Amino acid sequence: QVQLVESGGGLVQAGGSLRLSCAASGRTFTNYAMAWFRQAPGKEREFVAAINWNSTSRYYQGSVKGRFTISRDDTKNSLYLQMNNLRPEDTAVYYCAADQRTLYGAPISRANNYDYWGQGTQVTVSS
């Protein structure tokens, strides 16, 4: 059974940092793109960042560019999101996602590009 499990969320003050992790089990996602999405209360799920299979291409939502960094470690079958200079508007449940259809695919912002999703981890930024 394929599972993506996020961790690292929590409560932080504005300007602080958090590092989210996503551990995959049941299969490897080497050679496939992965991504982070988030969903704030009362809002639709939105794209945050994506990374291609060999980490040579990354794509960020405009509001997080320069503050967030997506990375992966395929030796650990893991995806990461380093979040710096957090803002109250970054408060949301953060989800990792993995593609399994497009070998060597580009980092894509569309949610329907991804086949596997984690259960989410809560990030709360206080002002």
Foldseek 3Di string as FASTA:
>chain_A
DKAWAKDFADEEAAQAKIKMKIAIPPDAQQQWKKFKWWDDPPGDIFGAKIAWRPRPDIDGDPVQPPFKDWDADRVRSMIMIIGGRDDQVVWTWMKMFIADPDGRDGTDGDPVRTDDMHPTDTHGYHD
